Amino acid sequence: MVNQQMHELGANRSCIRDLFEYGRQRSAVVGKENVFDFSLGNPSIPAPAQVNETIRTLLHEMDSVQLHGYTPATGDLGARAAIAEDLNHRYQAGVRPEDLFLGCGAAPELVSVIRALAVPDAEFVAIAPYFPEYKPFVTCTGSTFRVVPADIPDFQIDLSALEAAINAHTQAVIINSPNNPSGSVYRRETLEQLAQLLTRSALRVGHPIYIIADEPYRELVYGDAQVSFLPKLYPDTIVCYSYSKSLSLPGERIGYVYVPEHAHDHDALFAAVCGAARASGHVCAPSLWQKTIARCAHLRPDLNAYEENRRLLWQGLKDMGYETAQPDGAFYLFVKAPNGNSRKFSEMAKELDLLIVPGDDFGCPEYFRLCYCVSKSCIQRSLPLFRKLMEDAKKAR
């Protein structure tokens, strides 16, 4: 016998991964260059040169046993100090190394934080559109997953709906900005109003309500958009960060949890995060990558290629009549399906070897997601197919 809940999660894979695998199969039939795969958010720009140089230096300079040995469960002290220094330089945030827990990327960090807060009858609130994995992260703790409908077309936060969703069981609100899948960046005004709302709500329900800030796309912003450092606006913010996108290291699984010193129940909360990571088997993130981050935490991505792709795809689709969210960050476009049903529209797109992700699992079934971390050529050659797709959708009405 097996755990039925785990079986269902394994048997019903994410539509993103299914599309990606379908693309690999189609590529073997029609050629990779003839499949236009916008499904997976896999960075397409190389890691900064200093990252690879640092790895070579570490391999040359350090004793092999020391380099590849265990670190403290909470993380390499040098890496934690370097991350704290970088955050304080950028945000004057008062981050202490001892407030940081190094983890194997944002996903297990989110799991650890959610498990740390999963008291009996706990509820967690997500803002649509949201990353689909939030739901199993929450429900597998026995907690309730609540969704606030999307604020269309701006994709900020419907604060009235959020306030109505909060009750005595609410432990945290999960925030993702820049947002996957919409590419939207929450404005400072939005976040200030959110902080005020949660402060009021915490007083009403009689216990802290935390923000869990999922921030793997923090460095990927364009134009005049700015990402606010949430712990400075709302003290009860727990930050989960990954270097997967900022340094193009998705396969290396390295990031951190930050529990601010001024958060309610700081000591107990940090210990619970550590305990949840221990229970999940996610302590001692890869030593080589911790030591690499110790020397590379200050690096930033070169966004020129993403920004060019963003302009090319966004403008091209707008010219055809597609409606999209304002893509100020990350590397996604969230586009309204002309037929109002993104799953059917995605199936129509597959017939043209265009792979687009329907928005059902993001909480917005009338929208679909495009990842523009692809080659410029892929976008250029796909535009006539998107035009044909629009025409086919109009004929099918």
Protein backbone atom coordinates (compact mmCIF):
# COMPACT_ATOMS: atom_id res chain seq x y z
CA MET A 1 0.00 0.00 0.00
CA VAL A 2 1.07 3.59 -0.60
CA ASN A 3 -0.04 6.96 0.68
CA GLN A 4 -2.99 7.93 -1.52
CA GLN A 5 -2.33 11.67 -1.33
CA MET A 6 1.29 11.19 -2.41
CA HIS A 7 0.22 8.79 -5.16
CA GLU A 8 -2.17 11.36 -6.59
CA LEU A 9 0.53 14.01 -6.59
CA GLY A 10 2.93 11.69 -8.40
CA ALA A 11 0.40 10.32 -10.86
CA ASN A 12 -1.11 13.71 -11.76
CA ARG A 13 1.93 15.67 -12.82
CA SER A 14 1.91 19.40 -13.41
CA CYS A 15 0.69 20.52 -16.81
CA ILE A 16 3.93 22.52 -17.18
CA ARG A 17 6.10 19.41 -16.94
CA ASP A 18 3.72 17.48 -19.20
CA LEU A 19 3.97 20.17 -21.88
CA PHE A 20 7.75 20.21 -21.57
CA GLU A 21 7.90 16.43 -22.04
CA TYR A 22 5.47 16.64 -24.95
CA GLY A 23 7.79 19.20 -26.54
CA ARG A 24 10.74 16.81 -26.26
CA GLN A 25 8.71 14.09 -27.94
CA ARG A 26 7.56 16.38 -30.74
CA SER A 27 11.12 17.63 -31.26
CA ALA A 28 12.20 14.08 -32.04
CA VAL A 29 9.53 13.94 -34.74
CA VAL A 30 9.56 17.37 -36.39
CA GLY A 31 12.90 18.78 -35.22
CA LYS A 32 13.62 20.91 -32.18
CA GLU A 33 13.68 24.09 -34.25
CA ASN A 34 10.07 23.49 -35.27
CA VAL A 35 8.68 23.22 -31.74
CA PHE A 36 8.04 26.57 -30.04
CA ASP A 37 8.19 25.68 -26.39
CA PHE A 38 7.09 28.48 -24.04
CA SER A 39 6.26 26.10 -21.19
CA LEU A 40 9.16 25.95 -18.73
CA GLY A 41 10.77 28.84 -16.83
CA ASN A 42 14.31 27.60 -17.41
CA PRO A 43 16.77 30.54 -17.56
CA SER A 44 18.28 30.93 -21.02
CA ILE A 45 21.07 33.37 -20.15
CA PRO A 46 24.33 31.93 -18.79
CA ALA A 47 25.37 32.28 -15.18
CA PRO A 48 27.70 35.25 -14.57
CA ALA A 49 31.28 34.35 -15.50
CA GLN A 50 32.39 34.88 -11.90
CA VAL A 51 30.23 31.96 -10.77
CA ASN A 52 32.14 29.42 -12.87
CA GLU A 53 35.44 31.12 -12.03
CA THR A 54 34.62 30.85 -8.35
CA ILE A 55 33.88 27.14 -8.64
CA ARG A 56 37.22 26.54 -10.38
CA THR A 57 39.01 28.58 -7.72
CA LEU A 58 37.36 26.68 -4.89
CA LEU A 59 38.26 23.34 -6.46
CA HIS A 60 41.87 24.49 -6.80
CA GLU A 61 42.30 26.25 -3.46
CA MET A 62 40.35 24.17 -0.96
CA ASP A 63 41.02 20.77 0.47
CA SER A 64 38.58 18.34 -1.14
CA VAL A 65 37.36 16.91 2.15
CA GLN A 66 36.68 20.39 3.52
CA LEU A 67 35.06 21.62 0.31
CA HIS A 68 32.66 18.72 -0.04
CA GLY A 69 32.02 18.05 3.64
CA TYR A 70 28.98 18.87 5.73
CA THR A 71 28.25 22.45 6.68
CA PRO A 72 26.26 23.48 9.77
CA ALA A 73 22.61 22.51 9.35
CA THR A 74 21.60 26.17 9.06
CA GLY A 75 24.27 26.86 6.45
CA ASP A 76 27.88 27.88 5.89
CA LEU A 77 28.73 30.82 8.14
CA GLY A 78 30.62 32.63 5.39
CA ALA A 79 27.69 32.33 2.98
CA ARG A 80 25.20 33.58 5.56
CA ALA A 81 27.43 36.56 6.34
CA ALA A 82 27.86 37.39 2.64
CA ILE A 83 24.08 37.24 2.02
CA ALA A 84 23.39 39.44 5.04
CA GLU A 85 26.00 41.95 3.88
CA ASP A 86 24.50 42.07 0.39
CA LEU A 87 20.94 42.58 1.67
CA ASN A 88 22.04 45.28 4.09
CA HIS A 89 24.00 47.07 1.37
CA ARG A 90 20.96 47.10 -0.91
CA TYR A 91 18.11 47.62 1.53
CA GLN A 92 19.65 48.82 4.84
CA ALA A 93 17.58 46.03 6.35
CA GLY A 94 19.47 45.07 9.50
CA VAL A 95 19.79 41.44 8.41
CA ARG A 96 21.87 39.26 10.72
CA PRO A 97 23.62 36.08 9.50
CA GLU A 98 21.93 34.15 12.30
CA ASP A 99 18.52 35.04 10.83
CA LEU A 100 19.31 33.15 7.62
CA PHE A 101 18.76 29.46 6.89
CA LEU A 102 20.37 28.16 3.71
CA GLY A 103 18.19 25.75 1.75
CA CYS A 104 18.00 23.70 -1.42
CA GLY A 105 16.16 26.33 -3.44
CA ALA A 106 12.86 28.12 -2.91
CA ALA A 107 10.56 25.06 -3.04
CA PRO A 108 11.89 23.19 0.02
CA GLU A 109 12.27 26.53 1.79
CA LEU A 110 8.59 27.26 1.25
CA VAL A 111 7.72 23.77 2.45
CA SER A 112 9.78 24.32 5.62
CA VAL A 113 8.16 27.67 6.37
CA ILE A 114 4.64 26.35 5.74
CA ARG A 115 5.29 23.30 7.91
CA ALA A 116 6.71 25.55 10.62
CA LEU A 117 3.43 27.50 10.70
CA ALA A 118 1.07 24.55 10.19
CA VAL A 119 -0.61 24.48 13.59
CA PRO A 120 -3.91 22.55 13.89
CA ASP A 121 -6.65 23.99 11.65
CA ALA A 122 -4.17 26.40 10.02
CA GLU A 123 -5.11 28.22 6.82
CA PHE A 124 -2.81 29.76 4.23
CA VAL A 125 -3.96 32.32 1.66
CA ALA A 126 -2.57 32.70 -1.86
CA ILE A 127 -3.28 35.50 -4.32
CA ALA A 128 -4.30 34.38 -7.81
CA PRO A 129 -2.55 33.95 -10.09
CA TYR A 130 -0.23 31.83 -7.95
CA PHE A 131 2.46 29.19 -8.48
CA PRO A 132 0.54 25.86 -8.57
CA GLU A 133 2.87 24.06 -6.15
CA TYR A 134 1.70 26.27 -3.28
CA LYS A 135 -1.43 24.15 -3.03
CA PRO A 136 0.26 20.77 -2.38
CA PHE A 137 2.83 22.47 -0.14
CA VAL A 138 -0.06 23.59 2.07
CA THR A 139 -2.52 20.72 1.82
CA CYS A 140 0.12 18.07 2.54
CA THR A 141 0.48 19.57 6.02
CA GLY A 142 -3.24 19.04 6.63
CA SER A 143 -3.81 22.80 6.42
CA THR A 144 -6.43 24.63 4.34
CA PHE A 145 -5.42 26.42 1.14
CA ARG A 146 -7.49 29.51 0.37
CA VAL A 147 -7.29 31.56 -2.83
CA VAL A 148 -8.08 35.24 -3.33
CA PRO A 149 -9.35 35.77 -6.91
CA ALA A 150 -7.11 37.67 -9.30
CA ASP A 151 -7.27 41.43 -9.53
CA ILE A 152 -7.88 41.59 -13.29
CA PRO A 153 -6.56 43.28 -15.38
CA ASP A 154 -3.92 44.96 -13.16
CA PHE A 155 -2.89 41.78 -11.30
CA GLN A 156 -2.17 43.59 -8.06
CA ILE A 157 -4.10 42.39 -4.94
CA ASP A 158 -7.84 42.57 -4.36
CA LEU A 159 -7.44 43.79 -0.78
CA SER A 160 -11.16 43.63 0.03
CA ALA A 161 -11.33 40.01 -1.05
CA LEU A 162 -8.19 39.24 0.92
CA GLU A 163 -9.57 40.81 4.06
CA ALA A 164 -12.74 38.76 3.69
CA ALA A 165 -10.67 35.56 3.39
CA ILE A 166 -8.78 36.12 6.65
CA ASN A 167 -10.13 34.52 9.81
CA ALA A 168 -8.92 33.24 13.17
CA HIS A 169 -7.23 30.25 11.49
CA THR A 170 -5.19 32.30 9.00
CA GLN A 171 -1.47 31.79 9.61
CA ALA A 172 0.05 33.43 6.54
CA VAL A 173 -0.48 35.04 3.16
CA ILE A 174 1.81 33.85 0.38
CA ILE A 175 3.11 36.67 -1.82
CA ASN A 176 5.04 36.22 -5.08
CA SER A 177 6.38 39.41 -6.68
CA PRO A 178 7.63 39.61 -9.39
CA ASN A 179 4.88 37.16 -10.07
CA ASN A 180 4.87 33.77 -11.71
CA PRO A 181 2.83 33.54 -13.95
CA SER A 182 1.73 37.14 -14.63
CA GLY A 183 5.08 38.94 -14.64
CA SER A 184 3.43 41.66 -12.55
CA VAL A 185 5.31 43.47 -9.79
CA TYR A 186 3.30 44.53 -6.76
CA ARG A 187 3.49 48.30 -6.41
CA ARG A 188 4.79 49.77 -3.17
CA GLU A 189 1.37 51.33 -2.57
CA THR A 190 -0.22 47.87 -2.86
CA LEU A 191 2.24 46.41 -0.37
CA GLU A 192 1.82 49.26 2.10
CA GLN A 193 -1.94 48.75 2.02
CA LEU A 194 -1.39 45.00 2.43
CA ALA A 195 0.78 45.65 5.51
CA GLN A 196 -1.92 47.87 7.01
CA LEU A 197 -4.59 45.26 6.29
CA LEU A 198 -2.61 42.44 7.91
CA THR A 199 -1.75 44.59 10.94
CA ARG A 200 -5.47 45.27 11.45
CA SER A 201 -6.38 41.66 10.84
CA ALA A 202 -3.76 40.35 13.28
CA LEU A 203 -5.24 42.53 16.01
CA ARG A 204 -8.72 41.30 15.10
CA VAL A 205 -7.87 37.59 15.22
CA GLY A 206 -5.48 37.87 18.15
CA HIS A 207 -2.29 36.40 16.68
CA PRO A 208 0.36 37.30 14.09
CA ILE A 209 -0.44 36.81 10.41
CA TYR A 210 2.77 36.32 8.50
CA ILE A 211 3.64 37.13 4.91
CA ILE A 212 5.57 34.36 3.19
CA ALA A 213 7.44 36.22 0.44
CA ASP A 214 8.40 33.84 -2.38
CA GLU A 215 11.09 35.84 -4.19
CA PRO A 216 13.07 33.85 -6.79
CA TYR A 217 12.45 36.60 -9.38
CA ARG A 218 13.41 39.57 -7.18
CA GLU A 219 16.27 40.66 -9.45
CA LEU A 220 14.34 40.29 -12.72
CA VAL A 221 12.59 43.64 -13.20
CA TYR A 222 12.39 45.99 -16.17
CA GLY A 223 11.90 49.67 -16.87
CA ASP A 224 10.91 51.71 -13.84
CA ALA A 225 9.53 48.77 -11.85
CA GLN A 226 10.97 48.31 -8.37
CA VAL A 227 10.72 45.42 -5.93
CA SER A 228 10.20 46.50 -2.33
CA PHE A 229 11.98 44.57 0.43
CA LEU A 230 8.90 43.41 2.31
CA PRO A 231 10.38 42.98 5.82
CA LYS A 232 10.92 46.75 5.87
CA LEU A 233 7.21 47.33 5.18
CA TYR A 234 5.78 44.51 7.30
CA PRO A 235 7.88 43.08 10.15
CA ASP A 236 6.18 39.67 10.12
CA THR A 237 7.51 38.79 6.67
CA ILE A 238 9.44 35.56 6.05
CA VAL A 239 11.48 35.66 2.85
CA CYS A 240 12.17 32.58 0.73
CA TYR A 241 14.78 33.28 -1.92
CA SER A 242 16.52 31.25 -4.61
CA TYR A 243 19.51 31.98 -6.83
CA SER A 244 17.96 29.84 -9.57
CA LYS A 245 16.77 32.77 -11.66
CA SER A 246 19.05 35.63 -10.58
CA LEU A 247 22.24 33.68 -11.26
CA SER A 248 20.78 31.19 -13.78
CA LEU A 249 21.36 28.21 -11.47
CA PRO A 250 18.00 26.37 -11.47
CA GLY A 251 19.61 22.94 -11.36
CA GLU A 252 21.88 23.70 -8.42
CA ARG A 253 19.13 24.27 -5.84
CA ILE A 254 20.54 26.93 -3.53
CA GLY A 255 18.80 29.74 -1.67
CA TYR A 256 17.81 30.90 1.80
CA VAL A 257 15.03 31.62 4.28
CA TYR A 258 15.21 34.95 6.10
CA VAL A 259 13.33 35.30 9.39
CA PRO A 260 13.69 38.95 10.51
CA GLU A 261 14.86 39.59 14.05
CA HIS A 262 11.82 41.81 14.65
CA ALA A 263 9.24 39.20 13.54
CA HIS A 264 6.83 38.00 16.22
CA ASP A 265 8.06 34.88 18.02
CA HIS A 266 11.34 35.11 16.10
CA ASP A 267 13.29 32.51 18.07
CA ALA A 268 10.52 29.94 18.05
CA LEU A 269 9.73 30.63 14.39
CA PHE A 270 13.34 30.25 13.25
CA ALA A 271 13.70 27.04 15.27
CA ALA A 272 10.49 25.70 13.73
CA VAL A 273 11.77 26.43 10.21
CA CYS A 274 14.97 24.56 11.06
CA GLY A 275 12.95 21.70 12.54
CA ALA A 276 10.66 21.50 9.53
CA ALA A 277 13.67 21.37 7.22
CA ARG A 278 15.13 18.61 9.37
CA ALA A 279 11.90 16.63 9.24
CA SER A 280 11.84 17.02 5.45
CA GLY A 281 15.47 15.94 5.08
CA HIS A 282 16.48 19.35 3.71
CA VAL A 283 19.41 20.37 5.87
CA CYS A 284 22.97 20.98 4.71
CA ALA A 285 22.39 22.42 1.24
CA PRO A 286 25.19 21.46 -1.21
CA SER A 287 28.47 22.62 0.32
CA LEU A 288 30.12 23.62 -2.96
CA TRP A 289 27.23 25.93 -3.81
CA GLN A 290 27.07 27.44 -0.37
CA LYS A 291 30.74 28.35 -0.62
CA THR A 292 30.18 29.67 -4.15
CA ILE A 293 27.37 31.94 -2.96
CA ALA A 294 29.66 33.18 -0.19
CA ARG A 295 31.71 34.82 -2.96
CA CYS A 296 28.92 35.56 -5.46
CA ALA A 297 25.95 36.83 -3.44
CA HIS A 298 26.54 40.34 -4.74
CA LEU A 299 26.25 39.42 -8.43
CA ARG A 300 23.28 40.50 -10.57
CA PRO A 301 21.96 39.08 -13.85
CA ASP A 302 22.41 40.70 -17.25
CA LEU A 303 18.79 41.18 -18.29
CA ASN A 304 19.33 42.59 -21.79
CA ALA A 305 18.31 39.38 -23.57
CA TYR A 306 15.20 38.91 -21.43
CA GLU A 307 14.20 42.54 -21.87
CA GLU A 308 14.55 42.30 -25.65
CA ASN A 309 12.48 39.11 -25.70
CA ARG A 310 9.87 40.71 -23.46
CA ARG A 311 9.43 43.70 -25.77
CA LEU A 312 9.37 41.58 -28.91
CA LEU A 313 6.78 39.08 -27.68
CA TRP A 314 4.60 41.52 -25.75
CA GLN A 315 4.40 44.06 -28.57
CA GLY A 316 3.92 41.37 -31.19
CA LEU A 317 0.98 39.83 -29.36
CA LYS A 318 -0.57 43.20 -28.56
CA ASP A 319 -0.44 44.14 -32.23
CA MET A 320 -2.43 40.99 -33.00
CA GLY A 321 -5.11 41.88 -30.46
CA TYR A 322 -4.06 39.67 -27.55
CA GLU A 323 -4.67 41.10 -24.06
CA THR A 324 -1.82 40.67 -21.59
CA ALA A 325 -0.90 41.62 -18.04
CA GLN A 326 1.80 44.29 -17.73
CA PRO A 327 5.04 42.22 -17.71
CA ASP A 328 7.25 44.28 -15.39
CA GLY A 329 9.24 41.39 -13.94
CA ALA A 330 10.27 37.73 -14.11
CA PHE A 331 10.24 36.23 -17.63
CA TYR A 332 6.57 35.47 -18.20
CA LEU A 333 3.65 36.87 -20.15
CA PHE A 334 0.13 36.12 -18.92
CA VAL A 335 -2.21 36.37 -21.87
CA LYS A 336 -5.99 36.24 -22.06
CA ALA A 337 -7.20 33.37 -24.22
CA PRO A 338 -9.28 34.85 -27.08
CA ASN A 339 -11.82 32.05 -26.71
CA GLY A 340 -12.06 32.52 -22.94
CA ASN A 341 -10.85 28.97 -22.22
CA SER A 342 -7.08 28.63 -21.89
CA ARG A 343 -7.09 24.83 -21.74
CA LYS A 344 -8.89 24.53 -25.08
CA PHE A 345 -6.71 27.31 -26.48
CA SER A 346 -3.58 25.46 -25.35
CA GLU A 347 -4.77 22.33 -27.16
CA MET A 348 -5.34 24.37 -30.33
CA ALA A 349 -1.83 25.79 -29.97
CA LYS A 350 -0.32 22.30 -29.72
CA GLU A 351 -1.61 21.56 -33.21
CA LEU A 352 0.75 24.32 -34.41
CA ASP A 353 3.58 23.03 -32.16
CA LEU A 354 3.15 26.10 -29.96
CA LEU A 355 3.42 25.04 -26.32
CA ILE A 356 1.62 27.42 -23.97
CA VAL A 357 0.58 26.74 -20.37
CA PRO A 358 -3.14 27.06 -19.55
CA GLY A 359 -3.90 29.17 -16.50
CA ASP A 360 -6.25 26.77 -14.68
CA ASP A 361 -3.64 25.62 -12.18
CA PHE A 362 -2.61 29.24 -11.57
CA GLY A 363 -6.15 30.13 -10.55
CA CYS A 364 -6.95 32.00 -13.80
CA PRO A 365 -8.52 29.60 -16.33
CA GLU A 366 -9.13 32.34 -18.89
CA TYR A 367 -5.40 33.18 -19.19
CA PHE A 368 -2.35 31.29 -20.43
CA ARG A 369 1.33 31.66 -19.56
CA LEU A 370 4.26 32.15 -21.91
CA CYS A 371 7.88 31.88 -20.77
CA TYR A 372 10.05 34.20 -22.85
CA CYS A 373 13.36 32.87 -21.52
CA VAL A 374 13.87 31.34 -24.98
CA SER A 375 15.93 32.36 -27.99
CA LYS A 376 15.02 35.55 -29.84
CA SER A 377 14.71 33.46 -32.99
CA CYS A 378 12.10 31.24 -31.34
CA ILE A 379 9.97 34.29 -30.61
CA GLN A 380 10.40 35.79 -34.07
CA ARG A 381 9.47 32.58 -35.84
CA SER A 382 6.54 31.90 -33.51
CA LEU A 383 4.73 35.19 -34.13
CA PRO A 384 3.06 34.12 -37.41
CA LEU A 385 1.79 31.02 -35.58
CA PHE A 386 0.30 33.14 -32.79
CA ARG A 387 -1.44 35.21 -35.47
CA LYS A 388 -2.86 32.08 -37.07
CA LEU A 389 -3.92 30.82 -33.65
CA MET A 390 -5.82 34.05 -33.03
CA GLU A 391 -7.56 33.71 -36.40
CA ASP A 392 -8.44 30.06 -35.73
CA ALA A 393 -9.90 30.98 -32.33
CA LYS A 394 -12.09 33.65 -33.91
CA LYS A 395 -13.37 31.19 -36.54
CA ALA A 396 -14.15 28.60 -33.83
CA ARG A 397 -16.42 30.96 -31.86
